[in-house]
Amino acid sequence: MNNEVSINIRNQINQSVMYSLLGRATKKMRGITAELNKDNLLTIKMFFDNNLSEEEEEEMQIANTEVVADFFNDFKDIYLDLLVVHKSIDICDKKGNLGWFYLRKEY
């Protein structure tokens, strides 16, 4: 995949993810990144500083369903990883190959 195509895909995924989170984002959210592997599998990773409530987890699954609907013909499969990492642990090194879509400033 050339760099221009990669940037275009990244921007489209970023737009879809951000739009799907309107009214759903939680203050527990620390970061969102994505990884696209050679088998055309997309994994969206969302990092949180605390366990999600049942309602919050359901909202993240709904957001992921919206992203899947946007790209169901473009990728072999799309996965969502909801990861809890305490805020004392740096997540900057966990960036996927499509970069950060959201990264909260940690104080």
N, C-alpha and C. Protein backbone atom coordinates (compact mmCIF):
# COMPACT_ATOMS: atom_id res chain seq x y z
N MET A 1 0.85 -1.17 0.00
CA MET A 1 0.00 0.00 0.00
C MET A 1 0.90 1.24 0.00
N ASN A 2 0.66 2.14 -0.94
CA ASN A 2 1.51 3.33 -0.97
C ASN A 2 1.08 4.32 0.10
N ASN A 3 1.93 5.30 0.35
CA ASN A 3 1.72 6.25 1.43
C ASN A 3 0.44 7.06 1.26
N GLU A 4 0.14 7.48 0.03
CA GLU A 4 -1.06 8.28 -0.22
C GLU A 4 -2.32 7.48 0.08
N VAL A 5 -2.35 6.23 -0.33
CA VAL A 5 -3.50 5.36 -0.05
C VAL A 5 -3.62 5.15 1.46
N SER A 6 -2.49 4.92 2.12
CA SER A 6 -2.47 4.70 3.56
C SER A 6 -3.04 5.90 4.31
N ILE A 7 -2.63 7.10 3.91
CA ILE A 7 -3.13 8.32 4.55
C ILE A 7 -4.63 8.46 4.31
N ASN A 8 -5.09 8.17 3.10
CA ASN A 8 -6.52 8.27 2.78
C ASN A 8 -7.33 7.29 3.63
N ILE A 9 -6.87 6.04 3.74
CA ILE A 9 -7.58 5.04 4.56
C ILE A 9 -7.59 5.48 6.01
N ARG A 10 -6.43 5.93 6.50
CA ARG A 10 -6.34 6.38 7.89
C ARG A 10 -7.34 7.50 8.16
N ASN A 11 -7.40 8.47 7.27
CA ASN A 11 -8.33 9.60 7.45
C ASN A 11 -9.78 9.14 7.43
N GLN A 12 -10.12 8.22 6.54
CA GLN A 12 -11.49 7.71 6.48
C GLN A 12 -11.86 6.95 7.76
N ILE A 13 -10.94 6.13 8.25
CA ILE A 13 -11.19 5.38 9.49
C ILE A 13 -11.32 6.35 10.66
N ASN A 14 -10.42 7.33 10.72
CA ASN A 14 -10.46 8.32 11.79
C ASN A 14 -11.81 9.04 11.81
N GLN A 15 -12.25 9.48 10.65
CA GLN A 15 -13.53 10.18 10.55
C GLN A 15 -14.68 9.28 11.01
N SER A 16 -14.68 8.05 10.59
CA SER A 16 -15.74 7.12 10.96
C SER A 16 -15.75 6.85 12.46
N VAL A 17 -14.57 6.61 13.03
CA VAL A 17 -14.47 6.33 14.47
C VAL A 17 -14.94 7.54 15.27
N MET A 18 -14.46 8.72 14.91
CA MET A 18 -14.84 9.92 15.67
C MET A 18 -16.35 10.18 15.56
N TYR A 19 -16.90 10.02 14.38
CA TYR A 19 -18.34 10.23 14.20
C TYR A 19 -19.14 9.21 15.02
N SER A 20 -18.67 7.97 15.05
CA SER A 20 -19.41 6.93 15.78
C SER A 20 -19.39 7.17 17.29
N LEU A 21 -18.45 7.96 17.77
CA LEU A 21 -18.33 8.22 19.21
C LEU A 21 -19.09 9.46 19.67
N LEU A 22 -19.68 10.20 18.73
CA LEU A 22 -20.45 11.39 19.13
C LEU A 22 -21.56 10.97 20.09
N GLY A 23 -21.56 11.57 21.26
CA GLY A 23 -22.56 11.25 22.28
C GLY A 23 -22.29 9.94 23.01
N ARG A 24 -21.17 9.28 22.69
CA ARG A 24 -20.84 8.00 23.33
C ARG A 24 -19.51 8.02 24.07
N ALA A 25 -18.65 8.95 23.73
CA ALA A 25 -17.32 8.99 24.35
C ALA A 25 -17.47 9.15 25.87
N THR A 26 -16.58 8.52 26.59
CA THR A 26 -16.62 8.55 28.04
C THR A 26 -15.35 9.19 28.59
N LYS A 27 -15.45 9.79 29.76
CA LYS A 27 -14.27 10.43 30.35
C LYS A 27 -13.20 9.42 30.74
N LYS A 28 -13.54 8.15 30.75
CA LYS A 28 -12.56 7.09 31.04
C LYS A 28 -11.63 6.83 29.85
N MET A 29 -11.99 7.33 28.68
CA MET A 29 -11.24 7.06 27.46
C MET A 29 -9.89 7.77 27.48
N ARG A 30 -8.83 7.01 27.26
CA ARG A 30 -7.47 7.55 27.24
C ARG A 30 -6.93 7.69 25.83
N GLY A 31 -7.27 6.77 24.96
CA GLY A 31 -6.72 6.82 23.62
C GLY A 31 -7.43 5.87 22.67
N ILE A 32 -7.33 6.19 21.38
CA ILE A 32 -7.88 5.33 20.33
C ILE A 32 -6.84 5.24 19.23
N THR A 33 -6.51 4.03 18.84
CA THR A 33 -5.56 3.79 17.76
C THR A 33 -6.08 2.65 16.91
N ALA A 34 -5.44 2.43 15.78
CA ALA A 34 -5.88 1.33 14.91
C ALA A 34 -4.67 0.69 14.25
N GLU A 35 -4.85 -0.58 13.94
CA GLU A 35 -3.81 -1.39 13.30
C GLU A 35 -4.43 -2.09 12.10
N LEU A 36 -3.80 -1.96 10.96
CA LEU A 36 -4.23 -2.66 9.75
C LEU A 36 -3.10 -3.61 9.37
N ASN A 37 -3.38 -4.92 9.38
CA ASN A 37 -2.30 -5.88 9.12
C ASN A 37 -2.28 -6.31 7.65
N LYS A 38 -1.29 -7.12 7.31
CA LYS A 38 -1.08 -7.54 5.92
C LYS A 38 -2.22 -8.40 5.38
N ASP A 39 -3.01 -9.00 6.28
CA ASP A 39 -4.15 -9.82 5.86
C ASP A 39 -5.42 -8.99 5.69
N ASN A 40 -5.28 -7.65 5.75
CA ASN A 40 -6.40 -6.71 5.61
C ASN A 40 -7.40 -6.82 6.75
N LEU A 41 -6.89 -7.10 7.96
CA LEU A 41 -7.70 -7.13 9.17
C LEU A 41 -7.47 -5.82 9.92
N LEU A 42 -8.54 -5.13 10.24
CA LEU A 42 -8.46 -3.86 10.96
C LEU A 42 -8.81 -4.09 12.42
N THR A 43 -7.94 -3.63 13.32
CA THR A 43 -8.23 -3.70 14.75
C THR A 43 -8.21 -2.29 15.31
N ILE A 44 -9.32 -1.90 15.90
CA ILE A 44 -9.42 -0.61 16.57
C ILE A 44 -9.24 -0.87 18.06
N LYS A 45 -8.28 -0.16 18.66
CA LYS A 45 -7.99 -0.34 20.08
C LYS A 45 -8.37 0.93 20.83
N MET A 46 -9.24 0.75 21.83
CA MET A 46 -9.64 1.86 22.68
C MET A 46 -9.12 1.60 24.08
N PHE A 47 -8.39 2.58 24.61
CA PHE A 47 -7.80 2.46 25.94
C PHE A 47 -8.60 3.28 26.94
N PHE A 48 -8.85 2.68 28.10
CA PHE A 48 -9.61 3.32 29.17
C PHE A 48 -8.81 3.24 30.46
N ASP A 49 -9.06 4.19 31.38
CA ASP A 49 -8.33 4.17 32.64
C ASP A 49 -9.05 3.40 33.74
N ASN A 50 -10.24 2.90 33.44
CA ASN A 50 -11.02 2.18 34.43
C ASN A 50 -11.97 1.23 33.70
N ASN A 51 -12.46 0.25 34.41
CA ASN A 51 -13.42 -0.68 33.81
C ASN A 51 -14.65 0.07 33.33
N LEU A 52 -15.19 -0.38 32.22
CA LEU A 52 -16.41 0.23 31.68
C LEU A 52 -17.63 -0.38 32.34
N SER A 53 -18.65 0.46 32.50
CA SER A 53 -19.94 -0.07 32.95
C SER A 53 -20.53 -0.88 31.80
N GLU A 54 -21.54 -1.65 32.09
CA GLU A 54 -22.21 -2.43 31.04
C GLU A 54 -22.73 -1.50 29.95
N GLU A 55 -23.30 -0.37 30.36
CA GLU A 55 -23.85 0.59 29.39
C GLU A 55 -22.74 1.19 28.52
N GLU A 56 -21.60 1.54 29.14
CA GLU A 56 -20.49 2.12 28.38
C GLU A 56 -19.93 1.11 27.38
N GLU A 57 -19.80 -0.13 27.81
CA GLU A 57 -19.30 -1.16 26.90
C GLU A 57 -20.25 -1.37 25.73
N GLU A 58 -21.54 -1.35 26.02
CA GLU A 58 -22.54 -1.50 24.96
C GLU A 58 -22.45 -0.34 23.97
N GLU A 59 -22.25 0.88 24.48
CA GLU A 59 -22.11 2.05 23.60
C GLU A 59 -20.89 1.93 22.70
N MET A 60 -19.78 1.38 23.22
CA MET A 60 -18.58 1.19 22.41
C MET A 60 -18.83 0.14 21.33
N GLN A 61 -19.59 -0.89 21.66
CA GLN A 61 -19.92 -1.92 20.66
C GLN A 61 -20.82 -1.34 19.56
N ILE A 62 -21.74 -0.47 19.95
CA ILE A 62 -22.60 0.19 18.96
C ILE A 62 -21.75 1.08 18.04
N ALA A 63 -20.82 1.82 18.64
CA ALA A 63 -19.92 2.66 17.84
C ALA A 63 -19.13 1.81 16.86
N ASN A 64 -18.63 0.67 17.32
CA ASN A 64 -17.88 -0.23 16.45
C ASN A 64 -18.75 -0.76 15.31
N THR A 65 -20.00 -1.06 15.61
CA THR A 65 -20.92 -1.53 14.57
C THR A 65 -21.08 -0.48 13.47
N GLU A 66 -21.11 0.79 13.86
CA GLU A 66 -21.20 1.86 12.87
C GLU A 66 -19.95 1.91 11.99
N VAL A 67 -18.79 1.70 12.59
CA VAL A 67 -17.54 1.68 11.82
C VAL A 67 -17.54 0.49 10.87
N VAL A 68 -17.96 -0.66 11.37
CA VAL A 68 -18.04 -1.86 10.52
C VAL A 68 -18.96 -1.60 9.33
N ALA A 69 -20.08 -0.94 9.57
CA ALA A 69 -21.02 -0.64 8.49
C ALA A 69 -20.38 0.26 7.43
N ASP A 70 -19.52 1.17 7.87
CA ASP A 70 -18.84 2.07 6.93
C ASP A 70 -17.82 1.35 6.06
N PHE A 71 -17.23 0.26 6.58
CA PHE A 71 -16.09 -0.37 5.90
C PHE A 71 -16.25 -1.86 5.63
N PHE A 72 -17.46 -2.40 5.71
CA PHE A 72 -17.62 -3.86 5.61
C PHE A 72 -17.11 -4.43 4.29
N ASN A 73 -17.06 -3.64 3.24
CA ASN A 73 -16.54 -4.12 1.95
C ASN A 73 -15.04 -3.89 1.78
N ASP A 74 -14.45 -3.11 2.68
CA ASP A 74 -13.06 -2.69 2.51
C ASP A 74 -12.04 -3.56 3.23
N PHE A 75 -12.46 -4.23 4.30
CA PHE A 75 -11.53 -5.02 5.11
C PHE A 75 -12.07 -6.43 5.27
N LYS A 76 -11.14 -7.37 5.43
CA LYS A 76 -11.54 -8.77 5.62
C LYS A 76 -12.36 -8.92 6.89
N ASP A 77 -11.94 -8.22 7.95
CA ASP A 77 -12.69 -8.21 9.20
C ASP A 77 -12.26 -7.00 10.01
N ILE A 78 -13.12 -6.59 10.94
CA ILE A 78 -12.84 -5.44 11.79
C ILE A 78 -13.09 -5.87 13.23
N TYR A 79 -12.08 -5.63 14.06
CA TYR A 79 -12.15 -6.01 15.46
C TYR A 79 -12.09 -4.77 16.35
N LEU A 80 -12.66 -4.90 17.54
CA LEU A 80 -12.60 -3.84 18.54
C LEU A 80 -11.99 -4.43 19.80
N ASP A 81 -10.92 -3.80 20.28
CA ASP A 81 -10.32 -4.18 21.55
C ASP A 81 -10.58 -3.06 22.54
N LEU A 82 -11.26 -3.38 23.64
CA LEU A 82 -11.48 -2.43 24.72
C LEU A 82 -10.48 -2.78 25.82
N LEU A 83 -9.50 -1.92 26.03
CA LEU A 83 -8.39 -2.22 26.92
C LEU A 83 -8.37 -1.27 28.11
N VAL A 84 -8.30 -1.82 29.31
CA VAL A 84 -8.19 -1.02 30.52
C VAL A 84 -6.72 -0.99 30.94
N VAL A 85 -6.16 0.22 30.95
CA VAL A 85 -4.77 0.42 31.36
C VAL A 85 -4.77 1.60 32.33
N HIS A 86 -4.34 1.35 33.57
CA HIS A 86 -4.35 2.40 34.59
C HIS A 86 -3.59 3.62 34.10
N LYS A 87 -4.07 4.80 34.49
CA LYS A 87 -3.49 6.04 33.98
C LYS A 87 -2.03 6.24 34.38
N SER A 88 -1.55 5.49 35.36
CA SER A 88 -0.14 5.60 35.75
C SER A 88 0.77 4.90 34.74
N ILE A 89 0.20 4.12 33.84
CA ILE A 89 0.97 3.39 32.82
C ILE A 89 0.85 4.12 31.49
N ASP A 90 1.99 4.48 30.92
CA ASP A 90 2.03 5.20 29.64
C ASP A 90 1.53 4.29 28.51
N ILE A 91 0.69 4.83 27.65
CA ILE A 91 0.18 4.05 26.52
C ILE A 91 0.75 4.52 25.18
N CYS A 92 1.61 5.53 25.19
CA CYS A 92 2.12 6.09 23.93
C CYS A 92 2.78 5.05 23.04
N ASP A 93 3.41 4.04 23.63
CA ASP A 93 4.09 3.01 22.85
C ASP A 93 3.12 1.96 22.29
N LYS A 94 1.84 2.10 22.55
CA LYS A 94 0.85 1.13 22.10
C LYS A 94 0.15 1.58 20.81
N LYS A 95 0.71 2.60 20.17
CA LYS A 95 0.14 3.16 18.95
C LYS A 95 0.16 2.13 17.83
N GLY A 96 -0.98 1.97 17.15
CA GLY A 96 -1.06 1.08 15.99
C GLY A 96 -0.42 1.71 14.77
N ASN A 97 -0.30 0.95 13.68
CA ASN A 97 0.38 1.46 12.49
C ASN A 97 -0.42 2.53 11.74
N LEU A 98 -1.67 2.76 12.13
CA LEU A 98 -2.45 3.86 11.55
C LEU A 98 -2.42 5.10 12.44
N GLY A 99 -1.68 5.03 13.54
CA GLY A 99 -1.51 6.19 14.41
C GLY A 99 -2.61 6.34 15.44
N TRP A 100 -2.48 7.41 16.20
CA TRP A 100 -3.49 7.74 17.21
C TRP A 100 -4.61 8.54 16.56
N PHE A 101 -5.85 8.18 16.86
CA PHE A 101 -7.01 8.98 16.46
C PHE A 101 -7.40 9.92 17.60
N TYR A 102 -7.12 9.48 18.82
CA TYR A 102 -7.39 10.27 20.01
C TYR A 102 -6.36 9.87 21.05
N LEU A 103 -5.80 10.85 21.75
CA LEU A 103 -4.87 10.58 22.84
C LEU A 103 -5.06 11.66 23.89
N ARG A 104 -5.56 11.26 25.03
CA ARG A 104 -5.86 12.19 26.12
C ARG A 104 -4.56 12.69 26.75
N LYS A 105 -4.54 13.96 27.11
CA LYS A 105 -3.40 14.51 27.87
C LYS A 105 -3.51 13.99 29.29
N GLU A 106 -2.44 13.38 29.74
CA GLU A 106 -2.40 12.83 31.09
C GLU A 106 -1.69 13.81 32.02
N TYR A 107 -2.27 14.06 33.18
CA TYR A 107 -1.68 14.99 34.16
C TYR A 107 -1.10 14.23 35.31
